[in-house]
Amino acid sequence: MSATARAGAGRPAPKRTGEPVTSARDEVLARIRSALSDDTPDQSVPRGYRQGRADSAGDLDLFARRVIDYHATVTFMAPDQLPEGIAARLDENRVGRLVAPDGLPAGWTADLRATVLTDTPPLSVTELDAADGTLTTCAVAVAETGTIVLDAGAGQGRRALTLIPDYHLVVVRADQVVATVPDAVALLAVAGPARPLTWISGPSATSDIELNRVEGVHGPRTLDVLVVRADA
């Protein structure tokens, strides 16, 4: 090897002028930037939900059957029977301390034997755990699935009120029962998409990998439903 070659050994090759030097990292980042630079405007997706049949009496009967399938209780009554009916259900289930969300009709809790706990200011988890049950209204109910939906509206309260106490008594008006889940979603969308939704299908339950259903693991062990209709 010549002296000239030895002198140049180990030195980096000179950079070529006018040509940028890129690494594999630079190339990867450039591709990511290119992929994220899509300026295509969002497309509105039409939502054509299937509408249920208009059969109020049939929907109520189906709703009751589905709720009973979940091992919950359903009682039909007229509007003027409601205060007495609420008191009777609470007494039968030995509810001594009842959580009452804001917005419940005053007549529902005026003459109860149970001690009524209001949620203003909010009850603590310890106080909710010490309560025997909760009384609420609902936003909508679904006949085909026996599902009751709460959206934190008047008489429903925050989610913890119906997840911690062991007993939940919910009042469902006949005109709140719709045929299908899409019907319910359409009604809930009118109230606004930002509301917290709680979908209740029977008492709390869970299943293991073999689909063995175990009830009462968490939340209310007992779901009691009062359906209010004029012809009851």
Foldseek 3Di string as FASTA:
>chain_A
DDPVVVVCPPDDDDDDPPDDDDDPVNVVVVVVVVVPPDPDDDDDDDDDDDFDDPDLVVLVVLLQVLLVVLVAAEDEDAPVCQLVVLQVVCVVQVFQEEEWEAQDPPSNPVDHNHHYDYCVVHDDLVVLLPGQEYEFEFQAAERNNSKTKHQCDGRHHDPSNQWRHQEYEYEYESVRYGHHPVVVVVSVVVVPPPTDMDIDRHADWDADPVRDIDADPTGHRHYYYYYYDNVD
